[in-house]
Amino acid sequence: MTSASPYLTTIAGSLPKPHWLAEPEKLWGAWQHQGAALDRAKRDAALLWLKLQEDAGLDIVTDGEQFRVHFVHGFLEQVSGIDWARTTKMGIRDNRYVVDVPTVTGALSLRQSVHAEEVRFVRGHTRRKLKWTLPGPMTICDTIADAHYGRRADMAMAFAAILNQEVRQLEALGLDMIQIDEPAFNVFMNDVYEWGIAALDRTLEGLTCQTAVHICYGYGIEANVKWKETLGSEWRQYEAIFPALNTSRVDQVSLEAQGSNVPLSLIRLLPDKVIQVGVIDVASKAVETPDAVAAVLAEASRHADAARIIASTNCGLAPLPREVAEAKLNALVVGARRASG
C-alpha cells in the first residue's frame, strides 16, 4: 500500500548495488560481470530494489541507478564527440579534487537513447509512480574536459539539447518524473544565473511529466566532506541560487536536511516549487528513527505548505550496506506517516 501520509515519499536516486552486481559499499564499484551476464544482473538488481521500495511503501520509486556505475559517465557512453582515450587532468567542483576525465573533441550528438530499454523494462515491473535521474548539463561540464567548444556555457547548451532529446524519449515510455542532478549548482553560483538555469530549462523543454532538480553538497567523496567542514554552522550557499531556481521551469527542488547544516528556512525562497526534503542522512550508517524523520518534516512545514513537501533522502544511498539502506527506506516512510499525525 502507498503512504497514508499527506507527505509523498521517494528517494534521491541511487541504492546500493548487490554484491553479485558490483563491488559493494563503493560509490562507483566495478561491475562483477560483462556482456549479457551483466545486463541480466542489472535487471535483477533493479527488480530487487523495486520490490524493496514497494515493500517499504514508497510512493515514487526509481531503478536505484542499478544500470550505471557513474551518474555522469554512464550517460556519456552513448554521446558522440567524446574521446575516452584522450584523458585530461581536471579540477572537479572548482578544483576541490583533481581526476583524469575524458575530453570533448568534436560536436556532441546522441548516438541512441541511453536509458530507453531500461525505462521500458522497469516501467513494465511496477505500478508505482516511476522517477528516472540523469546528470545535469552544468555538472556534466564540471566532469569532462573541453577541447572543442571553448566556452563552458556553449558546451552546456549542447549537452542540454542532447539531454532533452533523451528525456523526451523516456517520458514517452511512461515516466511520471524526470530528475536532473545538478550538484554543481551550489559551486558555480554566478554561472547558475548566467547560463545554468537556461541550460536546465533547455534540458526540460517540452516535458509534461513532473520534473525535479537535485542539488546537494556532495556525499561519498572525502574532498567534499573536508570542504563541508569549512562551511561553518550554517550552509547557506543555496540562498544565492534559490531565487533563480524559483523562476525556472522545473517543478520540484531536491535538497538535504537531515544531519546537514542547511537552514530549512531557505525553502521560503522557493514559493512556487515542490520541495523534496532530505529526511535521511546518506553520510551515516545510523538509521534514523521515525520521530527524527517526522521532526524534519515538521520543521520544513513551517516554511512551506505540507502539500508542497515530499519526503526523500539527502542524496543517493549507493555507498551504504544494503541492510542499512533498507532500514532507512522503512524509517523514511514510517516517519512521513507519523508526521501526518
Protein backbone atom coordinates (compact mmCIF):
# COMPACT_ATOMS: atom_id res chain seq x y z
CA MET A 1 0.00 0.00 0.00
CA THR A 2 1.13 3.56 -0.57
CA SER A 3 1.68 6.01 2.22
CA ALA A 4 -1.35 7.31 4.15
CA SER A 5 0.60 10.45 4.95
CA PRO A 6 -0.01 13.74 3.14
CA TYR A 7 3.73 13.65 2.53
CA LEU A 8 4.58 11.65 -0.58
CA THR A 9 7.79 9.64 -0.29
CA THR A 10 10.68 8.96 -2.68
CA ILE A 11 14.48 8.72 -2.76
CA ALA A 12 17.03 10.96 -4.44
CA GLY A 13 18.05 8.18 -6.81
CA SER A 14 20.70 5.59 -6.12
CA LEU A 15 20.59 2.48 -3.95
CA PRO A 16 23.39 0.02 -3.06
CA LYS A 17 24.32 -2.41 -5.79
CA PRO A 18 24.07 -6.07 -4.68
CA HIS A 19 27.41 -7.81 -4.20
CA TRP A 20 26.68 -10.01 -7.22
CA LEU A 21 26.33 -6.94 -9.49
CA ALA A 22 29.22 -4.69 -8.42
CA GLU A 23 31.76 -4.20 -5.67
CA PRO A 24 29.61 -3.46 -2.61
CA GLU A 25 29.65 -0.34 -0.44
CA LYS A 26 31.53 1.72 -3.00
CA LEU A 27 30.28 4.87 -4.67
CA TRP A 28 31.38 3.61 -8.08
CA GLY A 29 32.12 -0.08 -7.60
CA ALA A 30 33.39 -2.11 -10.56
CA TRP A 31 30.99 -4.49 -12.32
CA GLN A 32 31.24 -8.17 -11.42
CA HIS A 33 30.13 -9.35 -14.89
CA GLN A 34 30.42 -8.48 -18.57
CA GLY A 35 28.21 -8.65 -21.63
CA ALA A 36 24.87 -10.44 -21.44
CA ALA A 37 25.55 -11.63 -17.89
CA LEU A 38 26.00 -8.02 -16.78
CA ASP A 39 22.76 -6.97 -18.49
CA ARG A 40 20.86 -9.73 -16.68
CA ALA A 41 22.45 -8.84 -13.34
CA LYS A 42 21.49 -5.17 -13.72
CA ARG A 43 17.88 -6.09 -14.43
CA ASP A 44 17.78 -8.49 -11.50
CA ALA A 45 19.15 -5.76 -9.21
CA ALA A 46 16.58 -3.25 -10.44
CA LEU A 47 13.78 -5.75 -9.78
CA LEU A 48 15.13 -6.41 -6.30
CA TRP A 49 15.11 -2.74 -5.37
CA LEU A 50 11.72 -2.11 -6.95
CA LYS A 51 10.28 -4.80 -4.68
CA LEU A 52 12.06 -3.44 -1.61
CA GLN A 53 10.91 0.11 -2.32
CA GLU A 54 7.35 -1.07 -2.76
CA ASP A 55 7.54 -3.16 0.41
CA ALA A 56 8.74 -0.10 2.32
CA GLY A 57 5.76 1.86 0.99
CA LEU A 58 7.49 4.47 -1.16
CA ASP A 59 5.08 6.38 -3.39
CA ILE A 60 7.58 7.26 -6.14
CA VAL A 61 10.16 4.59 -6.92
CA THR A 62 13.34 4.53 -9.01
CA ASP A 63 15.56 1.89 -10.59
CA GLY A 64 18.06 2.63 -7.81
CA GLU A 65 20.52 3.57 -10.59
CA GLN A 66 21.43 -0.11 -10.92
CA PHE A 67 22.20 0.26 -14.63
CA ARG A 68 25.19 2.62 -14.37
CA VAL A 69 28.44 2.90 -12.44
CA HIS A 70 28.94 6.69 -12.57
CA PHE A 71 26.00 9.06 -12.62
CA VAL A 72 27.63 11.27 -15.28
CA HIS A 73 29.85 8.99 -17.34
CA GLY A 74 27.14 6.34 -17.53
CA PHE A 75 25.11 8.76 -19.62
CA LEU A 76 28.04 9.95 -21.73
CA GLU A 77 28.81 6.47 -23.08
CA GLN A 78 26.25 6.98 -25.87
CA VAL A 79 27.36 10.53 -26.78
CA SER A 80 29.49 11.11 -29.89
CA GLY A 81 32.18 13.79 -29.86
CA ILE A 82 33.93 12.47 -26.74
CA ASP A 83 37.41 10.93 -26.86
CA TRP A 84 37.61 8.48 -23.94
CA ALA A 85 41.24 7.65 -24.70
CA ARG A 86 42.25 11.32 -24.50
CA THR A 87 42.11 11.95 -20.78
CA THR A 88 42.70 15.34 -19.22
CA LYS A 89 43.52 16.18 -15.61
CA MET A 90 40.74 18.41 -14.39
CA GLY A 91 39.77 20.05 -11.13
CA ILE A 92 36.26 19.00 -10.13
CA ARG A 93 33.86 21.25 -8.17
CA ASP A 94 36.07 24.31 -8.52
CA ASN A 95 39.30 22.32 -8.02
CA ARG A 96 38.10 20.58 -4.87
CA TYR A 97 39.79 17.44 -6.23
CA VAL A 98 41.58 16.50 -9.47
CA VAL A 99 40.85 13.45 -11.64
CA ASP A 100 41.54 12.26 -15.18
CA VAL A 101 38.44 12.79 -17.31
CA PRO A 102 37.53 12.13 -20.96
CA THR A 103 37.71 15.04 -23.41
CA VAL A 104 35.17 16.57 -25.76
CA THR A 105 36.93 16.82 -29.12
CA GLY A 106 34.04 17.40 -31.56
CA ALA A 107 30.40 18.38 -31.91
CA LEU A 108 28.24 16.46 -29.46
CA SER A 109 25.38 14.22 -30.57
CA LEU A 110 23.39 11.32 -29.14
CA ARG A 111 24.04 8.03 -30.94
CA GLN A 112 21.00 6.34 -29.43
CA SER A 113 18.84 6.58 -26.34
CA VAL A 114 20.86 5.83 -23.23
CA HIS A 115 18.07 4.60 -20.97
CA ALA A 116 15.07 3.73 -23.17
CA GLU A 117 15.38 -0.04 -22.85
CA GLU A 118 15.99 0.26 -19.11
CA VAL A 119 12.97 2.53 -18.58
CA ARG A 120 10.81 0.20 -20.66
CA PHE A 121 11.92 -2.73 -18.51
CA VAL A 122 11.42 -1.02 -15.15
CA ARG A 123 8.10 0.57 -16.18
CA GLY A 124 6.83 -2.90 -17.03
CA HIS A 125 7.50 -4.15 -13.50
CA THR A 126 5.92 -1.55 -11.24
CA ARG A 127 2.59 0.22 -10.98
CA ARG A 128 4.01 2.87 -8.68
CA LYS A 129 4.95 6.29 -9.93
CA LEU A 130 8.39 6.00 -11.51
CA LYS A 131 11.21 8.54 -11.41
CA TRP A 132 14.38 8.49 -13.52
CA THR A 133 17.52 10.53 -12.80
CA LEU A 134 20.02 12.00 -15.25
CA PRO A 135 23.04 14.29 -14.83
CA GLY A 136 22.52 17.99 -15.50
CA PRO A 137 24.45 19.98 -18.12
CA MET A 138 26.42 22.08 -15.62
CA THR A 139 27.51 19.03 -13.63
CA ILE A 140 28.43 17.18 -16.84
CA CYS A 141 30.60 20.14 -17.88
CA ASP A 142 32.31 20.01 -14.49
CA THR A 143 33.13 16.33 -15.06
CA ILE A 144 34.52 16.35 -18.61
CA ALA A 145 37.23 18.39 -20.36
CA ASP A 146 36.52 20.65 -23.33
CA ALA A 147 38.80 20.78 -26.37
CA HIS A 148 36.12 21.83 -28.85
CA TYR A 149 33.55 24.40 -27.69
CA GLY A 150 35.83 26.90 -25.97
CA ARG A 151 33.17 28.18 -23.55
CA ARG A 152 31.67 26.05 -20.83
CA ALA A 153 28.30 27.71 -21.41
CA ASP A 154 28.29 26.66 -25.06
CA MET A 155 29.18 23.07 -24.20
CA ALA A 156 26.47 23.04 -21.52
CA MET A 157 23.82 24.09 -24.03
CA ALA A 158 24.98 21.34 -26.39
CA PHE A 159 24.63 18.79 -23.59
CA ALA A 160 21.24 20.29 -22.67
CA ALA A 161 19.99 19.67 -26.21
CA ILE A 162 21.16 16.05 -26.04
CA LEU A 163 19.58 15.55 -22.62
CA ASN A 164 16.31 16.99 -23.89
CA GLN A 165 16.34 14.53 -26.77
CA GLU A 166 16.81 11.73 -24.25
CA VAL A 167 14.22 12.80 -21.67
CA ARG A 168 11.52 13.29 -24.30
CA GLN A 169 12.00 9.67 -25.37
CA LEU A 170 11.94 8.48 -21.76
CA GLU A 171 8.80 10.42 -20.89
CA ALA A 172 7.03 8.78 -23.83
CA LEU A 173 7.74 5.38 -22.23
CA GLY A 174 5.64 6.23 -19.19
CA LEU A 175 7.83 8.01 -16.65
CA ASP A 176 6.00 10.04 -14.04
CA MET A 177 9.01 12.16 -13.07
CA ILE A 178 12.39 13.07 -14.52
CA GLN A 179 15.03 14.38 -12.12
CA ILE A 180 18.14 16.26 -13.21
CA ASP A 181 21.09 16.02 -10.83
CA GLU A 182 22.99 19.31 -10.56
CA PRO A 183 25.31 19.25 -7.53
CA ALA A 184 27.50 21.81 -9.34
CA PHE A 185 24.75 24.41 -8.82
CA ASN A 186 26.00 25.29 -5.33
CA VAL A 187 29.59 25.68 -6.53
CA PHE A 188 29.31 27.99 -9.54
CA MET A 189 26.63 30.38 -8.32
CA ASN A 190 27.35 33.11 -10.87
CA ASP A 191 27.18 30.57 -13.67
CA VAL A 192 23.79 29.40 -12.40
CA TYR A 193 22.42 32.86 -13.15
CA GLU A 194 24.38 33.44 -16.34
CA TRP A 195 23.63 30.14 -18.10
CA GLY A 196 22.89 27.32 -15.64
CA ILE A 197 19.14 27.95 -15.38
CA ALA A 198 18.90 28.40 -19.15
CA ALA A 199 20.64 25.05 -19.67
CA LEU A 200 18.36 23.37 -17.13
CA ASP A 201 15.28 24.80 -18.81
CA ARG A 202 16.53 23.66 -22.22
CA THR A 203 17.01 20.16 -20.80
CA LEU A 204 13.39 20.03 -19.64
CA GLU A 205 11.84 21.80 -22.61
CA GLY A 206 8.59 20.28 -23.85
CA LEU A 207 8.06 17.80 -21.00
CA THR A 208 4.64 17.33 -19.43
CA CYS A 209 5.60 14.87 -16.66
CA GLN A 210 6.77 16.14 -13.29
CA THR A 211 10.34 17.43 -13.30
CA ALA A 212 12.84 17.86 -10.49
CA VAL A 213 16.36 19.12 -9.94
CA HIS A 214 18.56 17.58 -7.25
CA ILE A 215 21.22 19.82 -5.74
CA CYS A 216 23.47 18.80 -2.89
CA TYR A 217 26.74 19.46 -1.10
CA GLY A 218 28.32 16.20 -2.23
CA TYR A 219 28.49 12.84 -0.49
CA GLY A 220 30.73 9.80 -0.54
CA ILE A 221 33.87 11.71 -1.57
CA GLU A 222 36.44 12.71 1.05
CA ALA A 223 37.20 16.04 -0.64
CA ASN A 224 33.55 17.03 -0.32
CA VAL A 225 33.49 16.04 3.34
CA LYS A 226 36.52 18.20 4.10
CA TRP A 227 35.07 21.13 2.14
CA LYS A 228 31.84 20.98 4.14
CA GLU A 229 33.85 21.11 7.36
CA THR A 230 34.96 24.61 6.36
CA LEU A 231 31.43 25.97 5.82
CA GLY A 232 30.60 26.74 9.43
CA SER A 233 27.40 26.08 11.36
CA GLU A 234 25.07 27.07 8.51
CA TRP A 235 25.33 26.07 4.86
CA ARG A 236 23.70 29.00 3.08
CA GLN A 237 25.02 28.60 -0.47
CA TYR A 238 21.51 27.73 -1.67
CA GLU A 239 20.41 31.22 -0.69
CA ALA A 240 22.28 32.51 -3.75
CA ILE A 241 20.59 30.20 -6.26
CA PHE A 242 17.07 29.54 -4.97
CA PRO A 243 15.59 32.77 -6.40
CA ALA A 244 16.87 31.76 -9.84
CA LEU A 245 15.63 28.20 -9.43
CA ASN A 246 12.21 29.53 -8.49
CA THR A 247 11.97 31.18 -11.92
CA SER A 248 12.96 28.01 -13.78
CA ARG A 249 10.56 25.60 -15.49
CA VAL A 250 11.43 22.76 -13.07
CA ASP A 251 8.55 21.62 -10.82
CA GLN A 252 10.50 20.31 -7.82
CA VAL A 253 13.76 21.00 -5.99
CA SER A 254 15.52 18.25 -4.00
CA LEU A 255 17.89 19.15 -1.16
CA GLU A 256 19.34 17.71 2.03
CA ALA A 257 18.09 18.45 5.54
CA GLN A 258 18.65 15.52 7.92
CA GLY A 259 22.06 15.84 9.60
CA SER A 260 23.06 18.78 7.42
CA ASN A 261 23.56 22.43 8.26
CA VAL A 262 21.18 23.69 5.58
CA PRO A 263 18.68 26.08 7.23
CA LEU A 264 15.25 24.90 6.10
CA SER A 265 14.05 28.49 6.24
CA LEU A 266 15.79 28.90 2.85
CA ILE A 267 12.96 26.98 1.16
CA ARG A 268 10.89 30.14 1.61
CA LEU A 269 12.87 31.35 -1.42
CA LEU A 270 11.14 28.63 -3.49
CA PRO A 271 7.48 29.60 -3.08
CA ASP A 272 6.49 28.21 -6.48
CA LYS A 273 8.17 24.80 -6.22
CA VAL A 274 7.52 21.45 -4.61
CA ILE A 275 10.36 20.62 -2.22
CA GLN A 276 11.87 17.15 -1.92
CA VAL A 277 13.15 17.42 1.65
CA GLY A 278 16.01 15.07 2.53
CA VAL A 279 14.96 13.39 5.77
CA ILE A 280 17.54 10.57 5.54
CA ASP A 281 21.26 11.20 6.11
CA VAL A 282 23.21 9.28 3.45
CA ALA A 283 26.56 10.04 5.09
CA SER A 284 25.83 7.95 8.17
CA LYS A 285 25.13 4.25 8.74
CA ALA A 286 22.99 5.15 11.74
CA VAL A 287 19.34 4.54 10.89
CA GLU A 288 17.04 7.47 11.57
CA THR A 289 14.11 6.98 13.92
CA PRO A 290 10.67 7.74 12.54
CA ASP A 291 10.48 10.58 15.05
CA ALA A 292 13.67 12.13 13.62
CA VAL A 293 12.18 11.95 10.13
CA ALA A 294 8.93 13.47 11.33
CA ALA A 295 10.78 16.28 13.09
CA VAL A 296 12.50 17.38 9.87
CA LEU A 297 9.18 17.34 8.02
CA ALA A 298 7.59 19.38 10.82
CA GLU A 299 10.36 21.96 10.54
CA ALA A 300 10.01 22.08 6.74
CA SER A 301 6.26 22.58 7.05
CA ARG A 302 6.92 25.80 8.99
CA HIS A 303 8.34 27.25 5.78
CA ALA A 304 6.28 25.58 3.04
CA ASP A 305 2.79 24.11 2.92
CA ALA A 306 2.76 20.36 3.59
CA ALA A 307 1.19 19.86 0.16
CA ARG A 308 4.45 21.17 -1.37
CA ILE A 309 6.72 18.81 0.57
CA ILE A 310 7.90 15.34 -0.46
CA ALA A 311 9.93 13.25 1.99
CA SER A 312 13.13 11.99 0.37
CA THR A 313 16.76 11.14 1.06
CA ASN A 314 19.56 13.71 1.20
CA CYS A 315 21.27 12.13 -1.79
CA GLY A 316 21.93 8.62 -3.11
CA LEU A 317 22.24 5.64 -0.77
CA ALA A 318 24.64 3.75 -3.05
CA PRO A 319 27.72 3.53 -0.75
CA LEU A 320 25.81 2.14 2.24
CA PRO A 321 25.38 -1.51 3.22
CA ARG A 322 22.20 -2.94 1.77
CA GLU A 323 20.62 -3.69 5.16
CA VAL A 324 21.23 -0.10 6.27
CA ALA A 325 19.65 1.27 3.10
CA GLU A 326 16.62 -0.98 3.56
CA ALA A 327 16.19 0.18 7.15
CA LYS A 328 16.49 3.82 6.11
CA LEU A 329 13.77 3.37 3.46
CA ASN A 330 11.45 1.97 6.11
CA ALA A 331 12.26 4.83 8.51
CA LEU A 332 11.57 7.35 5.77
CA VAL A 333 8.06 6.02 5.11
CA VAL A 334 7.11 5.40 8.74
CA GLY A 335 8.36 8.84 9.72
CA ALA A 336 6.40 10.52 6.92
CA ARG A 337 3.25 8.75 8.07
CA ARG A 338 3.91 9.76 11.65
CA ALA A 339 4.36 13.37 10.61
CA SER A 340 0.80 13.33 9.29
CA GLY A 341 -0.48 12.96 12.84
